[in-house]
Amino acid sequence: MKKENKKTKKSKRIKSSIGGQARIPRGFGTVTPYLIINGAAEAIDFYKNAFGAKKPGVETLPDGKILHARMKIGDSILMMSDEFPGNTASPTSLGDSTVTMHVYSRDVDKLWERAVGAGARIVMPIDNQFWGERYGKLVDPFGHTWSLSMQVSMTRNEREAKRQAAMDMLTQGKHPGKSD
């Protein structure tokens, strides 16, 4: 009987859990965000400046609109295109974003300052949170929400005090840490 290696077993698990083709292109994860943006060319520049994104590929239409772009932030791929009314819409057209892109960083304060300096708007100021991360939320100039964080060491008392403060605010109908 033929012995299965780890890769074969993993491939079968992926195939059985999501159905269909198990091959995932190199560099991609099982789930890859695809952002719809009003002004994708400008967004590419923003993501390079704010998050150090690398631009491996862009498909542009004759009118200059971006049909498809793929960038890499850290070890993750982010895909995007301009919005195409009647087919896709950006958060700026919809009035809000329904998804938050979460970025882990080894130096979240430096990344935070870089993103804010590039034009991101603070939604929730960065601070140590009761779940043991330094965490904050931003909205980019194109309406997409980003949370930035890193794990931090906190004593049990610090975490409990932060948790209690957050719960107190929630019971008062306020959002913990939300910037006005």
Foldseek 3Di string as FASTA:
>chain_A
DDDDDPVRVVLVVQCVVPNDHSDDDPLADPDEAEAAFACVVVVVVLCCQLQVKAWPDWDADPVGWTPKTWIDRDSYIHMYTYADPPPGDHCVVVVADPDEAEEEDPCQVVSVCRNVVSPWAWFFDFDQALVQKRKGWTAHPGRHIYMYIYGHDDDNVVSVVRVVVQVVQVVVVHHPRTDD
